[in-house]
Amino acid sequence: MSKRDELIEKYAADIKDKFGDRPDMDLLTKVTIGLGPSIYNLDASKVSGADEKEMETVKNNYLVKKLGMSDDPKLMEAVKTVLDKYGSSNKNKHRAVVYYMLCKHFKKESSY
């Protein structure tokens, strides 16, 4: 099993455990591949739920640029909701999981 496949399995487990959802493995794989080599970087592969600048980055770089959404206060609300569901005490919020959950939330699977 490749390192990427191992990470995808870890992300799928997080989606099941933290969100109670059964992940769409095809979409999760596409989101993970879309993140490129950042998934292997300890810092870049995580999202800090306590850092406003980090949440702005998720909103601007993923929701607006990647998914093509219009900047709107609802985008930041969704980012905060996903991070809250992930667990405020959880320090390991994987970027791929956050992006996957936002993609599902906004029903933007067709972007992949």
Protein backbone atom coordinates (compact mmCIF):
# COMPACT_ATOMS: atom_id res chain seq x y z
CA MET A 1 0.00 0.00 0.00
CA SER A 2 1.39 3.41 -0.95
CA LYS A 3 1.86 6.22 1.55
CA ARG A 4 -0.98 8.14 -0.13
CA ASP A 5 -3.31 5.12 0.17
CA GLU A 6 -2.42 4.84 3.87
CA LEU A 7 -3.27 8.51 4.38
CA ILE A 8 -6.57 8.13 2.52
CA GLU A 9 -7.47 5.23 4.83
CA LYS A 10 -6.61 7.42 7.84
CA TYR A 11 -8.78 10.23 6.44
CA ALA A 12 -11.67 7.82 5.85
CA ALA A 13 -11.43 6.63 9.46
CA ASP A 14 -11.58 10.26 10.65
CA ILE A 15 -14.70 10.90 8.57
CA LYS A 16 -16.36 7.82 10.09
CA ASP A 17 -15.22 8.50 13.67
CA LYS A 18 -15.49 12.29 13.91
CA PHE A 19 -18.40 13.02 11.56
CA GLY A 20 -20.33 9.75 11.63
CA ASP A 21 -20.40 9.66 7.83
CA ARG A 22 -19.56 6.88 5.42
CA PRO A 23 -16.98 8.47 3.12
CA ASP A 24 -17.25 8.52 -0.64
CA MET A 25 -13.83 6.96 -1.26
CA ASP A 26 -13.70 8.12 -4.88
CA LEU A 27 -14.27 11.76 -3.89
CA LEU A 28 -11.92 11.49 -0.89
CA THR A 29 -9.20 10.14 -3.19
CA LYS A 30 -9.72 13.00 -5.66
CA VAL A 31 -9.62 15.63 -2.89
CA THR A 32 -6.44 14.06 -1.50
CA ILE A 33 -4.75 13.93 -4.92
CA GLY A 34 -5.80 17.56 -5.47
CA LEU A 35 -3.79 18.58 -2.41
CA GLY A 36 -0.62 17.25 -4.03
CA PRO A 37 2.55 16.86 -1.99
CA SER A 38 1.20 19.00 0.88
CA ILE A 39 -0.39 15.85 2.38
CA TYR A 40 3.10 14.61 3.24
CA ASN A 41 4.12 17.82 5.03
CA LEU A 42 3.23 17.69 8.73
CA ASP A 43 2.30 21.38 8.96
CA ALA A 44 0.64 21.82 5.55
CA SER A 45 -1.44 18.64 5.91
CA LYS A 46 -3.29 20.00 8.96
CA VAL A 47 -5.74 22.87 9.50
CA SER A 48 -5.65 24.88 12.71
CA GLY A 49 -9.15 25.58 13.94
CA ALA A 50 -7.91 28.27 16.33
CA ASP A 51 -6.14 30.36 13.69
CA GLU A 52 -8.35 32.91 11.90
CA LYS A 53 -5.72 33.38 9.17
CA GLU A 54 -5.73 29.62 8.50
CA MET A 55 -9.51 29.57 8.21
CA GLU A 56 -9.36 32.52 5.78
CA THR A 57 -6.84 30.53 3.72
CA VAL A 58 -9.21 27.54 3.58
CA LYS A 59 -12.06 29.82 2.54
CA ASN A 60 -10.11 31.76 -0.10
CA ASN A 61 -7.86 29.07 -1.58
CA TYR A 62 -10.28 26.17 -1.48
CA LEU A 63 -13.87 27.38 -1.48
CA VAL A 64 -13.42 30.48 -3.65
CA LYS A 65 -10.51 29.52 -5.93
CA LYS A 66 -10.82 25.72 -6.22
CA LEU A 67 -14.59 25.27 -5.93
CA GLY A 68 -15.41 28.56 -7.67
CA MET A 69 -17.75 29.88 -5.02
CA SER A 70 -18.55 33.56 -4.44
CA ASP A 71 -17.12 35.06 -1.28
CA ASP A 72 -19.94 35.12 1.24
CA PRO A 73 -20.18 35.03 5.07
CA LYS A 74 -21.76 31.56 4.74
CA LEU A 75 -18.40 30.20 3.56
CA MET A 76 -16.67 31.06 6.84
CA GLU A 77 -19.65 29.74 8.80
CA ALA A 78 -19.27 26.41 6.99
CA VAL A 79 -15.51 26.29 7.66
CA LYS A 80 -16.13 26.91 11.38
CA THR A 81 -18.92 24.32 11.47
CA VAL A 82 -16.73 21.62 9.91
CA LEU A 83 -13.83 22.44 12.26
CA ASP A 84 -16.18 22.38 15.28
CA LYS A 85 -17.57 18.98 14.24
CA TYR A 86 -14.01 17.72 13.80
CA GLY A 87 -13.53 18.52 17.49
CA SER A 88 -12.03 21.58 19.12
CA SER A 89 -9.74 19.41 21.27
CA ASN A 90 -8.51 17.50 18.22
CA LYS A 91 -5.15 18.98 17.20
CA ASN A 92 -4.89 16.79 14.06
CA LYS A 93 -7.49 18.18 11.72
CA HIS A 94 -6.40 16.79 8.36
CA ARG A 95 -6.72 19.28 5.50
CA ALA A 96 -8.01 16.56 3.15
CA VAL A 97 -10.84 15.72 5.56
CA VAL A 98 -11.77 19.38 6.05
CA TYR A 99 -11.79 19.98 2.28
CA TYR A 100 -13.78 16.77 1.68
CA MET A 101 -16.41 17.77 4.25
CA LEU A 102 -16.68 21.28 2.80
CA CYS A 103 -17.04 19.84 -0.69
CA LYS A 104 -19.88 17.59 0.52
CA HIS A 105 -21.47 20.43 2.53
CA PHE A 106 -21.73 22.67 -0.52
CA LYS A 107 -22.55 19.75 -2.87
CA LYS A 108 -19.58 20.62 -5.09
CA GLU A 109 -18.52 17.05 -5.91
CA SER A 110 -18.79 17.94 -9.61
CA SER A 111 -15.71 20.18 -9.16
CA TYR A 112 -13.71 16.97 -9.12
